[in-house]
Amino acid sequence: MRNLWSPASFQGKSRKRRYFEGWYFKHSGGIEKGVWSFIPGIALGDEPGSGYSFVQVIEGKSGRSWWFQYPIEEFHAAESGLEIRVGNNRFGDSGIQFDLTDGTSHISGAFAYGGFSIPRFPFWSPGVMGPFTFMPGMECNHGLVSLDHRVDGHIEVDGRQISIGDGRGYIEKDWGHSMPESWIWTQSNDFPSRGDSLMLSVATIPWLGSSFRGFLCVLSHGGEKRLFTTYNGSKIVDLSVTDDTVQCRISRGIKAIRGTTVCGTTKVSGWETDGESLEISVARSRGGILHAPVAGLLSRRIAEAVDARLAIRYVRNGSMIFEAESSLAGLEVVGSLKPR
């Protein structure tokens, strides 16, 4: 239970079957160098001996992806802090070192990190999922580790070397027994101003024989972090998905009476909203194929783009606070979400 207050840490010590845990490390070198994402993790199936550990890699420019599988015995993750080892590959809060081969491809290199932007939550909330963390029967949990940090290093793919200096990084993770039936996920911290970052996740959540649409959204801008989610009064007022775009509008605020009071009597002239509005639009692009978990094992195939074009407009109390675009956003659109 104590590990819930440290989402970056390994959560699966007591799990023996139908369980997965994976960390998502994103590295961006801008338009020229592209985006490289690494996903180390563990997968446990129903049958004894069916488990394994793995590292997935996806590259943005080509949409190419790689899968490297290892015996379960070659997986180690710390129960306190961010420290994962799969074979000879290491992933942590100071950086990653990797030397991956499958007989066909060889990917090696190292990235160093600095200046983590760590999301902070109230004492009663172990992470971005808030009280939903404690809901029994949740098929998947989500954690944020760093919304933005500096990346320096290099990667060599089949003899081709790419160096990234003063790049941007992002880390999140998932754990549980299966990913949701359907979801939308988008993320970027490649904006004109350093430190700006956005993550949005909308998913169909099974609950007591039925299901509902839940969402998480974190916006970091100008040193301030804003949380929009199902459990804090935020609402998705519009969500549309086409072959070309994903558009989402979120609001959070309290409607108040606008009027004049004379001798204790209020003459109502209308309503006004003292709150927030966040509009997100993403132009879809081709994606690489990733393995996603079902009943612990990564037997499902999904497409993830890491070079989608994303636009944000954030308005608070009627004033435009933040408006920006990124051409290096991550995007997953899987299944068909419930309308509400």
Protein backbone atom coordinates (compact mmCIF):
# COMPACT_ATOMS: atom_id res chain seq x y z
CA MET A 1 0.00 0.00 0.00
CA ARG A 2 2.79 2.45 0.83
CA ASN A 3 4.10 2.19 -2.75
CA LEU A 4 0.91 3.83 -4.00
CA TRP A 5 2.29 7.15 -2.74
CA SER A 6 5.34 6.60 -4.95
CA PRO A 7 3.86 5.74 -8.37
CA ALA A 8 7.30 5.63 -10.03
CA SER A 9 8.26 2.68 -7.82
CA PHE A 10 7.56 -0.96 -8.64
CA GLN A 11 3.99 -1.82 -7.59
CA GLY A 12 3.93 -5.54 -8.39
CA LYS A 13 6.03 -7.25 -5.71
CA SER A 14 3.20 -9.52 -4.53
CA ARG A 15 1.73 -10.21 -7.99
CA LYS A 16 2.24 -13.70 -9.43
CA ARG A 17 -0.21 -13.85 -12.36
CA ARG A 18 -2.32 -11.67 -14.70
CA TYR A 19 -0.22 -8.57 -14.13
CA PHE A 20 1.78 -6.06 -16.15
CA GLU A 21 3.80 -2.99 -15.27
CA GLY A 22 5.49 -0.69 -17.77
CA TRP A 23 7.29 2.66 -17.69
CA TYR A 24 7.24 5.07 -20.64
CA PHE A 25 10.45 7.09 -21.18
CA LYS A 26 10.16 9.68 -23.97
CA HIS A 27 13.14 11.57 -25.44
CA SER A 28 12.74 14.41 -27.94
CA GLY A 29 15.51 15.99 -29.95
CA GLY A 30 13.19 18.33 -31.82
CA ILE A 31 12.13 18.15 -35.46
CA GLU A 32 15.63 17.34 -36.73
CA LYS A 33 16.54 14.53 -34.31
CA GLY A 34 13.03 13.19 -33.75
CA VAL A 35 11.43 11.41 -30.81
CA TRP A 36 12.61 8.15 -29.26
CA SER A 37 10.51 6.36 -26.65
CA PHE A 38 11.50 3.35 -24.54
CA ILE A 39 9.08 1.17 -22.57
CA PRO A 40 10.66 -1.34 -20.16
CA GLY A 41 8.38 -3.60 -18.16
CA ILE A 42 7.17 -6.96 -16.94
CA ALA A 43 4.29 -9.24 -17.99
CA LEU A 44 2.80 -12.16 -16.03
CA GLY A 45 0.19 -14.47 -17.54
CA ASP A 46 -2.18 -17.07 -16.08
CA GLU A 47 0.08 -20.06 -16.49
CA PRO A 48 3.30 -20.68 -14.51
CA GLY A 49 6.33 -19.85 -16.62
CA SER A 50 4.39 -17.65 -19.05
CA GLY A 51 5.88 -14.40 -17.77
CA TYR A 52 8.64 -12.33 -19.34
CA SER A 53 10.24 -8.91 -19.21
CA PHE A 54 10.64 -6.61 -22.19
CA VAL A 55 11.81 -3.34 -23.69
CA GLN A 56 9.83 -1.68 -26.49
CA VAL A 57 11.27 1.14 -28.60
CA ILE A 58 9.41 3.48 -30.96
CA GLU A 59 10.89 6.15 -33.25
CA GLY A 60 8.80 9.06 -34.45
CA LYS A 61 10.09 10.02 -37.89
CA SER A 62 9.63 6.61 -39.50
CA GLY A 63 7.02 5.21 -37.13
CA ARG A 64 9.27 2.17 -36.72
CA SER A 65 9.07 0.14 -33.52
CA TRP A 66 11.06 -2.69 -31.95
CA TRP A 67 10.25 -5.39 -29.38
CA PHE A 68 12.97 -6.98 -27.24
CA GLN A 69 11.95 -9.82 -24.91
CA TYR A 70 13.89 -11.12 -21.90
CA PRO A 71 13.40 -13.88 -19.31
CA ILE A 72 11.46 -12.86 -16.24
CA GLU A 73 14.59 -13.47 -14.15
CA GLU A 74 16.35 -10.58 -15.92
CA PHE A 75 13.87 -8.02 -14.60
CA HIS A 76 14.50 -5.93 -11.49
CA ALA A 77 12.72 -2.81 -10.26
CA ALA A 78 13.14 -0.89 -7.02
CA GLU A 79 10.26 -0.70 -4.55
CA SER A 80 11.40 2.80 -3.64
CA GLY A 81 12.19 5.30 -6.37
CA LEU A 82 12.64 4.96 -10.11
CA GLU A 83 15.08 2.17 -10.92
CA ILE A 84 14.41 -0.55 -13.51
CA ARG A 85 16.74 -3.11 -15.00
CA VAL A 86 15.91 -5.44 -17.90
CA GLY A 87 18.90 -7.54 -18.85
CA ASN A 88 21.85 -5.14 -19.09
CA ASN A 89 19.57 -2.16 -19.77
CA ARG A 90 19.01 0.36 -16.99
CA PHE A 91 16.31 3.00 -16.59
CA GLY A 92 16.19 5.53 -13.74
CA ASP A 93 15.74 9.13 -12.66
CA SER A 94 19.29 10.08 -13.66
CA GLY A 95 19.01 8.59 -17.15
CA ILE A 96 18.99 5.36 -19.14
CA GLN A 97 21.64 3.07 -20.65
CA PHE A 98 20.67 0.46 -23.22
CA ASP A 99 22.20 -2.20 -25.47
CA LEU A 100 19.38 -4.03 -27.24
CA THR A 101 19.63 -6.70 -29.92
CA ASP A 102 17.29 -9.31 -31.38
CA GLY A 103 19.54 -10.82 -34.01
CA THR A 104 18.21 -8.42 -36.65
CA SER A 105 18.49 -4.95 -35.10
CA HIS A 106 20.92 -3.43 -32.64
CA ILE A 107 20.05 -0.33 -30.59
CA SER A 108 22.51 1.08 -28.07
CA GLY A 109 23.25 4.34 -26.31
CA ALA A 110 22.59 6.40 -23.22
CA PHE A 111 20.62 9.48 -22.17
CA ALA A 112 21.23 11.60 -19.06
CA TYR A 113 18.41 13.52 -17.36
CA GLY A 114 18.23 16.71 -15.35
CA GLY A 115 15.64 19.02 -13.81
CA PHE A 116 12.60 16.80 -13.32
CA SER A 117 9.21 18.54 -13.30
CA ILE A 118 7.41 16.35 -10.77
CA PRO A 119 3.64 16.66 -10.36
CA ARG A 120 2.53 17.20 -6.75
CA PHE A 121 -0.81 16.04 -5.39
CA PRO A 122 -2.68 16.48 -2.07
CA PHE A 123 -1.73 14.23 0.87
CA TRP A 124 -4.91 12.19 0.40
CA SER A 125 -4.11 11.49 -3.26
CA PRO A 126 -1.35 8.99 -4.08
CA GLY A 127 -1.05 10.30 -7.63
CA VAL A 128 -2.88 11.61 -10.66
CA MET A 129 -5.68 9.01 -10.29
CA GLY A 130 -6.67 10.38 -6.87
CA PRO A 131 -9.38 8.32 -5.09
CA PHE A 132 -9.71 6.00 -8.10
CA THR A 133 -6.39 4.50 -6.98
CA PHE A 134 -8.28 2.76 -4.16
CA MET A 135 -11.18 1.46 -6.27
CA PRO A 136 -11.23 -2.36 -6.21
CA GLY A 137 -11.21 -4.10 -9.56
CA MET A 138 -9.48 -1.34 -11.53
CA GLU A 139 -7.94 -3.03 -14.57
CA CYS A 140 -5.28 -0.36 -15.11
CA ASN A 141 -3.57 2.32 -13.01
CA HIS A 142 -1.76 5.34 -14.40
CA GLY A 143 1.11 7.30 -12.86
CA LEU A 144 3.01 10.46 -13.80
CA VAL A 145 6.72 10.58 -13.00
CA SER A 146 8.09 13.66 -14.80
CA LEU A 147 6.14 16.12 -16.93
CA ASP A 148 9.32 17.62 -18.39
CA HIS A 149 13.09 17.34 -17.95
CA ARG A 150 16.30 17.90 -19.87
CA VAL A 151 17.77 15.10 -22.01
CA ASP A 152 21.36 14.78 -23.27
CA GLY A 153 22.84 11.73 -24.94
CA HIS A 154 22.98 9.58 -28.03
CA ILE A 155 21.39 6.56 -29.66
CA GLU A 156 22.86 4.25 -32.29
CA VAL A 157 20.50 2.16 -34.45
CA ASP A 158 22.09 -0.42 -36.74
CA GLY A 159 25.23 1.71 -37.08
CA ARG A 160 23.44 5.07 -37.47
CA GLN A 161 24.20 7.41 -34.56
CA ILE A 162 22.02 10.32 -33.44
CA SER A 163 23.07 12.77 -30.73
CA ILE A 164 20.55 14.76 -28.71
CA GLY A 165 21.67 17.80 -26.71
CA ASP A 166 19.39 19.91 -24.52
CA GLY A 167 16.41 17.80 -25.58
CA ARG A 168 13.19 17.25 -23.65
CA GLY A 169 12.05 14.18 -21.73
CA TYR A 170 8.84 12.84 -20.20
CA ILE A 171 8.10 9.77 -18.03
CA GLU A 172 4.84 8.04 -17.08
CA LYS A 173 3.74 4.49 -16.34
CA ASP A 174 0.85 1.99 -16.25
CA TRP A 175 0.24 -1.11 -14.17
CA GLY A 176 -2.57 -3.60 -13.60
CA HIS A 177 -3.87 -6.60 -15.55
CA SER A 178 -5.13 -5.05 -18.83
CA MET A 179 -5.27 -1.76 -20.65
CA PRO A 180 -8.82 -0.38 -21.05
CA GLU A 181 -11.12 -1.60 -23.82
CA SER A 182 -10.88 1.83 -25.46
CA TRP A 183 -8.90 4.99 -24.81
CA ILE A 184 -7.41 8.19 -26.17
CA TRP A 185 -4.01 9.37 -24.96
CA THR A 186 -1.99 12.36 -26.08
CA GLN A 187 1.07 14.07 -24.64
CA SER A 188 3.64 16.71 -25.54
CA ASN A 189 6.24 18.85 -23.84
CA ASP A 190 7.73 20.14 -27.10
CA PHE A 191 6.36 23.68 -26.91
CA PRO A 192 8.13 27.01 -27.56
CA SER A 193 8.52 27.66 -23.81
CA ARG A 194 10.57 25.15 -21.81
CA GLY A 195 8.65 23.44 -19.04
CA ASP A 196 5.26 23.62 -20.75
CA SER A 197 3.67 20.18 -20.89
CA LEU A 198 0.31 18.52 -21.49
CA MET A 199 -1.00 14.99 -20.92
CA LEU A 200 -4.57 13.87 -21.63
CA SER A 201 -5.99 10.38 -21.16
CA VAL A 202 -9.64 9.45 -21.73
CA ALA A 203 -10.71 5.84 -21.22
CA THR A 204 -13.65 3.49 -20.80
CA ILE A 205 -13.51 2.30 -17.18
CA PRO A 206 -15.28 -0.96 -16.24
CA TRP A 207 -17.16 -0.75 -12.92
CA LEU A 208 -19.65 -3.10 -11.21
CA GLY A 209 -20.68 -4.85 -14.38
CA SER A 210 -21.00 -1.63 -16.34
CA SER A 211 -18.59 1.08 -17.45
CA PHE A 212 -18.11 4.84 -17.51
CA ARG A 213 -15.89 7.35 -19.27
CA GLY A 214 -13.08 8.65 -17.08
CA PHE A 215 -10.34 11.12 -17.89
CA LEU A 216 -7.11 12.63 -16.61
CA CYS A 217 -5.48 15.80 -17.91
CA VAL A 218 -2.47 17.68 -16.53
CA LEU A 219 -1.31 21.01 -17.95
CA SER A 220 1.98 22.55 -16.84
CA HIS A 221 2.62 26.16 -17.86
CA GLY A 222 4.71 28.95 -16.38
CA GLY A 223 5.63 26.86 -13.34
CA GLU A 224 1.97 26.18 -12.52
CA LYS A 225 0.34 22.76 -12.86
CA ARG A 226 -3.40 22.41 -13.45
CA LEU A 227 -5.27 19.13 -13.01
CA PHE A 228 -8.50 18.35 -14.87
CA THR A 229 -10.07 15.01 -14.04
CA THR A 230 -13.27 13.09 -13.38
CA TYR A 231 -12.90 13.35 -9.59
CA ASN A 232 -12.26 17.11 -9.20
CA GLY A 233 -15.33 18.57 -10.87
CA SER A 234 -13.90 18.87 -14.38
CA LYS A 235 -16.06 17.85 -17.32
CA ILE A 236 -15.48 16.92 -20.93
CA VAL A 237 -18.03 19.11 -22.70
CA ASP A 238 -17.04 18.01 -26.20
CA LEU A 239 -15.08 15.06 -27.58
CA SER A 240 -14.89 14.14 -31.25
CA VAL A 241 -12.70 11.66 -33.10
CA THR A 242 -12.43 11.48 -36.89
CA ASP A 243 -9.97 9.82 -39.25
CA ASP A 244 -7.98 13.07 -39.28
CA THR A 245 -8.34 14.73 -35.86
CA VAL A 246 -9.06 14.31 -32.17
CA GLN A 247 -10.71 17.29 -30.46
CA CYS A 248 -11.50 17.64 -26.77
CA ARG A 249 -12.87 20.52 -24.72
CA ILE A 250 -12.73 20.40 -20.92
CA SER A 251 -14.26 22.84 -18.45
CA ARG A 252 -13.93 23.28 -14.73
CA GLY A 253 -15.69 26.00 -12.76
CA ILE A 254 -18.72 27.06 -10.72
CA LYS A 255 -21.59 28.98 -12.22
CA ALA A 256 -22.52 32.04 -10.16
CA ILE A 257 -25.52 34.35 -10.18
CA ARG A 258 -24.91 37.72 -11.84
CA GLY A 259 -27.21 40.46 -10.65
CA THR A 260 -27.76 43.46 -8.38
CA THR A 261 -28.73 43.42 -4.74
CA VAL A 262 -30.92 46.20 -3.31
CA CYS A 263 -32.11 46.08 0.33
CA GLY A 264 -31.30 42.39 0.55
CA THR A 265 -33.13 41.45 -2.66
CA THR A 266 -31.15 40.20 -5.65
CA LYS A 267 -32.35 40.93 -9.14
CA VAL A 268 -30.91 38.18 -11.30
CA SER A 269 -29.65 39.22 -14.74
CA GLY A 270 -27.91 36.00 -15.73
CA TRP A 271 -25.14 33.54 -14.93
CA GLU A 272 -21.40 33.82 -15.19
CA THR A 273 -18.70 31.19 -14.96
CA ASP A 274 -15.60 31.85 -12.92
CA GLY A 275 -13.58 28.87 -14.08
CA GLU A 276 -11.33 27.24 -16.64
CA SER A 277 -11.62 25.94 -20.18
CA LEU A 278 -9.06 23.80 -22.00
CA GLU A 279 -9.32 23.04 -25.72
CA ILE A 280 -7.11 20.36 -27.25
CA SER A 281 -6.90 19.50 -30.94
CA VAL A 282 -4.62 16.79 -32.37
CA ALA A 283 -4.03 16.04 -36.05
CA ARG A 284 -3.58 12.30 -36.39
CA SER A 285 -0.49 10.82 -38.07
CA ARG A 286 0.86 7.36 -38.78
CA GLY A 287 2.02 5.34 -35.80
CA GLY A 288 4.35 2.53 -34.87
CA ILE A 289 2.99 -0.75 -33.54
CA LEU A 290 3.24 -1.35 -29.79
CA HIS A 291 2.37 -4.38 -27.66
CA ALA A 292 -0.38 -3.74 -25.08
CA PRO A 293 -1.45 -5.95 -22.14
CA VAL A 294 -4.47 -8.24 -21.90
CA ALA A 295 -4.77 -10.35 -18.71
CA GLY A 296 -1.14 -9.57 -17.93
CA LEU A 297 0.51 -10.61 -21.19
CA LEU A 298 1.23 -8.11 -23.97
CA SER A 299 -0.82 -9.86 -26.65
CA ARG A 300 -2.70 -6.85 -28.06
CA ARG A 301 -1.35 -4.63 -30.84
CA ILE A 302 -2.01 -0.89 -30.94
CA ALA A 303 -0.65 2.04 -32.96
CA GLU A 304 1.09 4.99 -31.33
CA ALA A 305 2.22 8.13 -33.14
CA VAL A 306 4.93 10.26 -31.54
CA ASP A 307 4.92 13.07 -34.12
CA ALA A 308 1.27 14.16 -34.15
CA ARG A 309 0.43 17.90 -34.33
CA LEU A 310 -1.22 19.22 -31.17
CA ALA A 311 -2.77 22.63 -30.41
CA ILE A 312 -3.85 23.92 -26.96
CA ARG A 313 -5.95 26.87 -25.80
CA TYR A 314 -6.29 27.41 -22.04
CA VAL A 315 -8.66 30.11 -20.76
CA ARG A 316 -9.16 31.04 -17.10
CA ASN A 317 -11.76 33.49 -15.80
CA GLY A 318 -12.34 34.70 -19.35
CA SER A 319 -8.65 35.45 -20.07
CA MET A 320 -6.41 33.55 -22.46
CA ILE A 321 -3.59 32.10 -20.33
CA PHE A 322 -1.85 29.75 -22.72
CA GLU A 323 -2.05 29.03 -26.45
CA ALA A 324 0.56 26.93 -28.21
CA GLU A 325 1.24 24.21 -30.77
CA SER A 326 3.54 21.20 -30.92
CA SER A 327 4.39 19.01 -33.90
CA LEU A 328 5.93 16.24 -31.75
CA ALA A 329 2.99 14.97 -29.72
CA GLY A 330 2.32 11.38 -28.78
CA LEU A 331 -1.11 10.04 -29.72
CA GLU A 332 -2.98 6.76 -29.23
CA VAL A 333 -6.60 6.23 -30.29
CA VAL A 334 -7.82 2.72 -29.45
CA GLY A 335 -11.36 1.37 -29.71
CA SER A 336 -14.54 3.45 -29.49
CA LEU A 337 -15.18 5.53 -26.37
CA LYS A 338 -18.58 5.82 -24.71
CA PRO A 339 -20.27 9.16 -25.49
CA ARG A 340 -20.51 9.99 -21.77
